N, C-alpha and C. Protein backbone atom coordinates (compact mmCIF):
# COMPACT_ATOMS: atom_id res chain seq x y z
N UNK A 1 34.39 188.81 91.11
CA UNK A 1 33.35 188.31 92.08
C UNK A 1 34.63 188.76 93.78
N UNK A 2 33.98 188.89 94.78
CA UNK A 2 35.08 189.56 95.67
C UNK A 2 34.46 189.40 97.36
N UNK A 3 34.83 188.19 97.98
CA UNK A 3 34.55 188.22 99.21
C UNK A 3 35.11 189.38 100.43
N UNK A 4 34.22 189.12 101.19
CA UNK A 4 34.52 190.99 102.00
C UNK A 4 33.67 190.95 103.59
N UNK A 5 34.21 191.13 104.23
CA UNK A 5 33.69 191.78 105.78
C UNK A 5 33.73 192.19 106.28
N UNK A 6 33.17 193.16 107.22
CA UNK A 6 32.68 194.64 107.66
C UNK A 6 32.68 193.84 109.04
N UNK A 7 33.72 194.85 110.06
CA UNK A 7 33.99 194.53 111.84
C UNK A 7 32.79 195.75 111.34
N UNK A 8 32.72 195.42 113.42
CA UNK A 8 32.10 197.06 113.86
C UNK A 8 32.78 197.21 115.05
N UNK A 9 33.02 198.36 114.31
CA UNK A 9 33.64 198.23 116.41
C UNK A 9 32.48 199.37 118.06
N UNK A 10 31.23 199.31 117.42
CA UNK A 10 30.97 199.54 118.39
C UNK A 10 30.28 198.94 119.47
N UNK A 11 29.72 199.36 120.50
CA UNK A 11 29.95 199.65 121.59
C UNK A 11 31.58 199.69 122.63
N UNK A 12 32.56 200.28 121.64
CA UNK A 12 33.88 200.64 122.26
C UNK A 12 34.30 202.04 122.79
N UNK A 13 32.75 202.42 122.55
CA UNK A 13 33.64 204.54 123.37
C UNK A 13 33.79 204.33 124.23
N UNK A 14 33.12 203.78 124.90
CA UNK A 14 34.30 203.56 126.43
C UNK A 14 35.68 203.78 126.63
N UNK A 15 36.12 202.73 125.72
CA UNK A 15 37.45 202.74 125.43
C UNK A 15 38.10 204.41 124.65
N UNK A 16 37.36 204.05 122.93
CA UNK A 16 37.76 205.83 122.94
C UNK A 16 37.42 206.82 124.03
N UNK A 17 37.19 207.15 124.39
CA UNK A 17 36.77 208.24 125.61
C UNK A 17 38.43 208.26 126.36
N UNK A 18 38.50 206.65 126.92
CA UNK A 18 39.62 207.01 127.63
C UNK A 18 41.09 207.30 127.13
N UNK A 19 40.88 206.58 125.91
CA UNK A 19 41.94 206.74 124.66
C UNK A 19 42.17 207.95 124.77
N UNK A 20 41.42 209.19 124.22
CA UNK A 20 41.00 210.84 124.28
C UNK A 20 41.72 211.31 124.99
N UNK A 21 41.02 210.84 126.87
CA UNK A 21 41.55 211.64 127.92
C UNK A 21 42.93 211.45 128.80
N UNK A 22 43.50 210.06 127.52
CA UNK A 22 45.14 209.89 128.07
C UNK A 22 45.62 210.94 126.72
N UNK A 23 45.20 211.01 126.08
CA UNK A 23 45.93 212.63 125.45
C UNK A 23 46.09 211.77 123.65
N UNK A 24 45.70 210.76 123.71
CA UNK A 24 46.27 209.81 122.63
C UNK A 24 45.14 210.02 121.22
N UNK A 25 45.53 209.61 119.57
CA UNK A 25 45.08 210.16 118.99
C UNK A 25 43.90 208.81 118.73
N UNK A 26 42.85 209.26 118.47
CA UNK A 26 41.81 207.83 118.43
C UNK A 26 41.77 207.55 117.29
N UNK A 27 41.71 208.10 115.82
CA UNK A 27 41.96 207.80 114.54
C UNK A 27 43.80 207.35 114.51
N UNK A 28 44.57 207.32 115.10
CA UNK A 28 46.12 206.95 115.55
C UNK A 28 45.29 205.15 116.06
N UNK A 29 44.89 205.43 117.21
CA UNK A 29 44.58 204.43 117.75
C UNK A 29 43.40 203.17 116.98
N UNK A 30 42.94 203.63 116.39
CA UNK A 30 41.72 202.85 115.39
C UNK A 30 42.82 202.55 114.58
N UNK A 31 43.15 203.13 114.26
CA UNK A 31 44.31 202.57 112.65
C UNK A 31 44.55 201.27 113.35
N UNK A 32 45.54 201.41 114.13
CA UNK A 32 46.69 200.10 114.34
C UNK A 32 45.31 199.46 115.05
N UNK A 33 44.33 199.54 115.69
CA UNK A 33 43.73 198.60 116.49
C UNK A 33 42.65 197.45 114.63
N UNK A 34 42.39 198.49 113.22
CA UNK A 34 42.40 197.58 112.28
C UNK A 34 43.12 196.64 111.93
N UNK A 35 44.27 197.18 111.94
CA UNK A 35 45.65 196.34 111.50
C UNK A 35 46.01 195.68 112.34
N UNK A 36 45.49 195.34 113.16
CA UNK A 36 45.73 194.30 114.63
C UNK A 36 45.05 192.87 113.57
N UNK A 37 43.23 193.38 113.47
CA UNK A 37 42.76 192.36 113.16
C UNK A 37 43.20 191.71 111.99
N UNK A 38 44.05 192.55 110.82
CA UNK A 38 43.95 192.43 110.00
C UNK A 38 44.34 191.46 109.95
N UNK A 39 46.29 191.80 110.71
CA UNK A 39 47.12 190.23 110.72
C UNK A 39 46.81 189.05 111.09
N UNK A 40 45.27 189.14 111.99
CA UNK A 40 44.30 187.74 112.55
C UNK A 40 44.29 187.70 111.04
N UNK A 41 43.92 187.96 110.39
CA UNK A 41 42.89 187.12 109.43
C UNK A 41 43.74 187.02 107.74
N UNK A 42 44.79 187.99 108.38
CA UNK A 42 45.87 187.88 106.60
C UNK A 42 46.63 186.32 107.02
N UNK A 43 46.83 185.83 108.85
CA UNK A 43 47.47 184.80 108.86
C UNK A 43 46.49 183.69 108.77
N UNK A 44 45.49 183.59 108.91
CA UNK A 44 44.18 182.16 108.24
C UNK A 44 44.26 183.14 107.42
N UNK A 45 44.34 183.21 106.62
CA UNK A 45 43.91 183.27 104.75
C UNK A 45 44.97 182.49 104.81
N UNK A 46 46.45 182.60 104.80
CA UNK A 46 47.43 181.97 104.65
C UNK A 46 47.52 180.72 104.98
N UNK A 47 47.43 180.49 105.92
CA UNK A 47 47.15 178.98 106.70
C UNK A 47 45.92 178.33 106.06
N UNK A 48 44.95 178.65 105.45
CA UNK A 48 44.23 177.98 104.49
C UNK A 48 44.31 177.60 103.08
N UNK A 49 44.79 178.52 102.62
CA UNK A 49 45.07 178.86 100.86
C UNK A 49 45.91 177.64 100.71
N UNK A 50 45.07 176.81 99.08
CA UNK A 50 46.35 175.87 98.83
C UNK A 50 47.97 176.12 98.21
N UNK A 51 48.46 175.06 98.72
CA UNK A 51 49.80 175.72 98.65
C UNK A 51 50.82 175.11 97.47
N UNK A 52 49.91 175.15 96.18
CA UNK A 52 50.50 174.62 95.26
C UNK A 52 51.47 174.58 94.78
N UNK A 53 51.57 176.17 94.41
CA UNK A 53 52.96 177.54 93.93
C UNK A 53 53.18 178.35 95.53
N UNK A 54 52.03 178.28 96.02
CA UNK A 54 52.97 179.10 97.32
C UNK A 54 52.64 181.23 96.94
N UNK A 55 52.04 181.19 95.62
CA UNK A 55 52.25 182.09 94.22
C UNK A 55 51.03 183.10 95.32
N UNK A 56 49.90 182.39 95.52
CA UNK A 56 48.50 182.31 95.59
C UNK A 56 48.59 183.10 97.46
N UNK A 57 49.63 182.83 98.63
CA UNK A 57 49.13 182.69 99.69
C UNK A 57 50.53 184.07 99.75
N UNK A 58 51.88 183.98 98.80
CA UNK A 58 52.78 185.55 99.05
C UNK A 58 51.40 186.72 98.43
N UNK A 59 50.53 186.45 97.62
CA UNK A 59 49.11 187.73 97.58
C UNK A 59 48.47 188.26 98.43
N UNK A 60 48.33 187.54 99.55
CA UNK A 60 47.55 188.04 99.99
C UNK A 60 48.60 188.74 101.88
N UNK A 61 47.21 190.07 101.57
CA UNK A 61 48.09 191.39 101.65
C UNK A 61 47.35 192.07 102.25
N UNK A 62 48.06 194.03 102.76
CA UNK A 62 46.72 194.31 104.20
C UNK A 62 47.34 195.39 102.82
N UNK A 63 45.84 195.90 102.94
CA UNK A 63 45.56 197.74 102.37
C UNK A 63 45.17 198.49 102.89
N UNK A 64 46.09 198.96 103.56
CA UNK A 64 45.93 200.48 104.58
C UNK A 64 46.13 200.38 105.64
N UNK A 65 45.62 200.83 106.87
CA UNK A 65 44.72 201.09 107.29
C UNK A 65 44.55 202.99 106.05
N UNK A 66 42.79 203.46 105.88
CA UNK A 66 43.01 204.20 104.92
C UNK A 66 41.98 205.34 106.15
N UNK A 67 41.58 206.38 105.76
CA UNK A 67 40.50 206.69 106.62
C UNK A 67 40.00 207.54 105.45
N UNK A 68 38.23 207.87 105.85
CA UNK A 68 37.42 209.26 104.55
C UNK A 68 36.51 209.22 106.35
N UNK A 69 36.61 210.35 106.36
CA UNK A 69 35.32 210.94 107.52
C UNK A 69 36.11 210.15 108.52
N UNK A 70 35.49 210.07 109.70
CA UNK A 70 35.65 209.08 110.58
C UNK A 70 35.87 207.54 110.35
N UNK A 71 35.44 207.57 108.71
CA UNK A 71 35.41 205.87 108.97
C UNK A 71 37.37 205.09 108.65
N UNK A 72 37.24 204.38 109.65
CA UNK A 72 39.32 203.68 109.19
C UNK A 72 38.63 202.54 109.02
N UNK A 73 39.54 202.06 107.62
CA UNK A 73 39.26 200.91 107.31
C UNK A 73 40.68 200.40 106.55
N UNK A 74 40.38 198.86 106.43
CA UNK A 74 41.54 198.24 105.35
C UNK A 74 40.81 197.19 105.29
N UNK A 75 42.19 196.61 103.96
CA UNK A 75 41.70 195.21 103.28
C UNK A 75 42.65 194.63 103.75
N UNK A 76 42.10 192.68 103.65
CA UNK A 76 42.19 191.82 103.51
C UNK A 76 42.64 191.08 102.57
N UNK A 77 43.36 190.60 102.28
CA UNK A 77 43.09 189.41 101.51
C UNK A 77 44.11 189.37 99.83
N UNK A 78 43.60 188.53 99.09
CA UNK A 78 44.18 189.23 97.03
C UNK A 78 43.19 190.25 96.88
N UNK A 79 44.00 191.59 96.65
CA UNK A 79 43.71 192.71 96.64
C UNK A 79 44.02 193.10 95.42
N UNK A 80 42.56 193.21 94.46
CA UNK A 80 42.10 193.47 93.13
C UNK A 80 42.59 195.18 92.78
N UNK A 81 44.09 194.74 93.01
CA UNK A 81 44.79 196.26 92.54
C UNK A 81 45.44 196.13 91.92
N UNK A 82 46.20 196.77 90.89
CA UNK A 82 47.64 196.67 90.00
C UNK A 82 49.13 196.54 90.76
N UNK A 83 48.67 197.36 92.02
CA UNK A 83 50.01 198.13 93.13
C UNK A 83 50.12 196.55 93.56
N UNK A 84 48.95 195.69 93.96
CA UNK A 84 49.69 194.10 94.61
C UNK A 84 49.23 193.51 94.07
N UNK A 85 48.20 193.19 92.98
CA UNK A 85 48.34 191.46 92.61
C UNK A 85 48.26 191.67 90.82
N UNK A 86 48.71 191.26 90.29
CA UNK A 86 48.36 191.16 88.59
C UNK A 86 47.00 190.11 88.79
N UNK A 87 46.37 190.23 87.30
CA UNK A 87 44.93 189.88 87.37
C UNK A 87 44.57 188.50 86.90
N UNK A 88 46.11 188.08 86.41
CA UNK A 88 45.62 186.53 86.57
C UNK A 88 45.75 185.78 87.63
N UNK A 89 46.66 186.11 89.07
CA UNK A 89 46.38 185.36 90.08
C UNK A 89 44.93 186.19 91.00
N UNK A 90 44.61 187.35 90.69
CA UNK A 90 43.45 187.72 90.90
C UNK A 90 42.65 186.80 91.09
N UNK A 91 42.23 186.02 89.14
CA UNK A 91 41.07 185.38 88.93
C UNK A 91 41.63 184.28 89.79
N UNK A 92 42.71 183.45 89.75
CA UNK A 92 42.95 182.28 90.67
C UNK A 92 42.73 182.09 92.29
N UNK A 93 43.10 183.26 92.48
CA UNK A 93 42.48 183.44 93.90
C UNK A 93 40.85 183.09 94.36
N UNK A 94 39.70 183.87 93.10
CA UNK A 94 38.85 183.89 93.00
C UNK A 94 38.47 182.36 92.62
N UNK A 95 39.39 181.83 91.68
CA UNK A 95 38.86 180.32 91.99
C UNK A 95 38.99 179.20 92.50
N UNK A 96 40.26 179.83 93.28
CA UNK A 96 40.14 178.39 93.99
C UNK A 96 38.45 179.08 96.00
N UNK A 97 38.30 180.04 96.30
CA UNK A 97 37.94 180.22 97.49
C UNK A 97 36.06 179.92 96.66
N UNK A 98 36.41 179.63 95.13
CA UNK A 98 34.54 179.32 94.35
C UNK A 98 34.40 178.23 93.64
N UNK A 99 36.18 178.11 93.59
CA UNK A 99 35.60 177.04 92.52
C UNK A 99 35.23 177.07 90.74
N UNK A 100 35.13 176.05 89.74
CA UNK A 100 35.37 176.62 88.35
C UNK A 100 34.14 175.76 88.16
N UNK A 101 33.87 175.37 86.15
CA UNK A 101 33.55 174.46 86.37
C UNK A 101 34.20 173.22 86.18
N UNK A 102 35.37 173.41 86.67
CA UNK A 102 36.92 172.18 86.11
C UNK A 102 36.96 171.66 87.54
N UNK A 103 36.21 173.03 88.46
CA UNK A 103 37.68 172.92 90.05
C UNK A 103 36.85 172.75 90.62
N UNK A 104 37.25 172.25 91.66
CA UNK A 104 35.84 172.33 93.29
C UNK A 104 36.87 172.62 93.70
N UNK A 105 35.43 173.92 94.56
CA UNK A 105 36.68 175.06 95.25
C UNK A 105 37.54 174.92 96.50
N UNK A 106 38.67 175.63 96.90
CA UNK A 106 39.59 175.14 98.05
C UNK A 106 39.37 176.87 98.68
N UNK A 107 38.07 176.71 99.60
CA UNK A 107 37.55 178.19 100.13
C UNK A 107 39.12 178.26 101.28
N UNK A 108 39.72 179.31 101.03
CA UNK A 108 40.63 179.74 101.91
C UNK A 108 39.94 181.28 103.10
N UNK A 109 39.33 182.19 102.22
CA UNK A 109 39.15 183.28 103.11
C UNK A 109 37.49 182.89 103.61
N UNK A 110 36.59 182.69 102.67
CA UNK A 110 35.59 182.58 104.07
C UNK A 110 35.09 181.42 105.38
N UNK A 111 36.52 180.51 105.18
CA UNK A 111 36.97 179.51 106.63
C UNK A 111 37.66 181.02 107.93
N UNK A 112 37.84 181.31 106.88
CA UNK A 112 38.75 182.47 107.71
C UNK A 112 37.94 183.53 108.27
N UNK A 113 37.01 183.97 107.85
CA UNK A 113 36.15 184.66 108.18
C UNK A 113 34.51 183.84 109.16
N UNK A 114 34.86 182.90 108.77
CA UNK A 114 33.99 182.83 110.48
C UNK A 114 35.27 182.40 111.00
N UNK A 115 35.90 181.11 110.97
CA UNK A 115 36.78 180.77 111.84
C UNK A 115 37.79 181.16 113.15
N UNK A 116 37.98 182.89 112.02
CA UNK A 116 38.90 183.59 112.98
C UNK A 116 38.28 185.39 113.41
N UNK A 117 36.89 185.59 113.05
CA UNK A 117 36.81 187.20 113.20
C UNK A 117 36.49 186.96 114.94
N UNK A 118 36.85 186.32 116.04
CA UNK A 118 36.47 186.77 117.38
C UNK A 118 37.44 187.22 118.05
N UNK A 119 38.57 186.71 116.95
CA UNK A 119 39.79 186.44 117.72
C UNK A 119 40.53 187.59 117.16
N UNK A 120 40.16 187.81 115.57
CA UNK A 120 41.00 189.41 115.20
C UNK A 120 39.67 190.07 115.96
N UNK A 121 38.74 190.58 116.23
CA UNK A 121 37.89 191.57 117.19
C UNK A 121 38.03 192.08 118.96
N UNK A 122 38.85 190.79 118.62
CA UNK A 122 39.94 190.75 120.31
C UNK A 122 41.39 190.97 120.44
N UNK A 123 42.10 190.55 118.70
CA UNK A 123 43.27 191.96 119.29
C UNK A 123 42.58 193.11 119.17
N UNK A 124 41.86 193.49 118.43
CA UNK A 124 41.79 194.80 118.08
C UNK A 124 41.13 195.28 119.73
N UNK A 125 40.68 194.64 120.12
CA UNK A 125 39.96 195.32 121.17
C UNK A 125 41.47 195.79 122.62
N UNK A 126 41.99 194.62 121.90
CA UNK A 126 43.14 194.70 122.94
C UNK A 126 44.42 195.59 122.87
N UNK A 127 44.80 196.20 121.43
CA UNK A 127 44.86 196.85 120.94
C UNK A 127 44.41 198.00 121.34
N UNK A 128 43.15 198.76 121.35
CA UNK A 128 42.84 199.74 122.29
C UNK A 128 42.86 199.98 123.80
N UNK A 129 43.15 198.64 123.72
CA UNK A 129 43.15 198.71 125.98
C UNK A 129 44.62 199.15 125.73
N UNK A 130 45.53 198.81 125.57
CA UNK A 130 46.50 198.77 125.42
C UNK A 130 47.14 200.51 125.37
N UNK A 131 45.94 201.47 124.60
CA UNK A 131 46.43 203.26 123.65
C UNK A 131 46.05 203.12 124.78
N UNK A 132 45.91 203.11 125.93
CA UNK A 132 44.91 203.98 126.58
C UNK A 132 43.75 203.71 127.62
N UNK A 133 43.40 202.39 127.20
CA UNK A 133 42.02 202.53 127.82
C UNK A 133 42.26 201.41 129.25
N UNK A 134 43.54 201.45 129.49
CA UNK A 134 43.81 200.67 131.04
C UNK A 134 43.69 201.72 131.99
């Protein structure tokens, strides 16, 4: 079971237009902004995760940015792909987040989404402003 969230960058057409007018690559600016937001979320997850062995904390990573057409995205957290996280650590990450029949949940992803989403969006907006919207 994966926990995920989506960030919408609606209402930023003005920024994107100014970036384009400044001769900047909009896709590159958006990718950098996405990474800025992911860094905020990664730091929040690492701050909140159980620190028993620090293994889970070290496996909180960012995968991306990736682009599919005009859609630019990245994943942040315990990435369930072989090149990022072994299956045992991925299962342990889910057990920490949701608990098991023998262990209480110690969530770190959902509290980060709830507590840091506004900060992440603010960092993304700031990145776009710095790319040419000022």
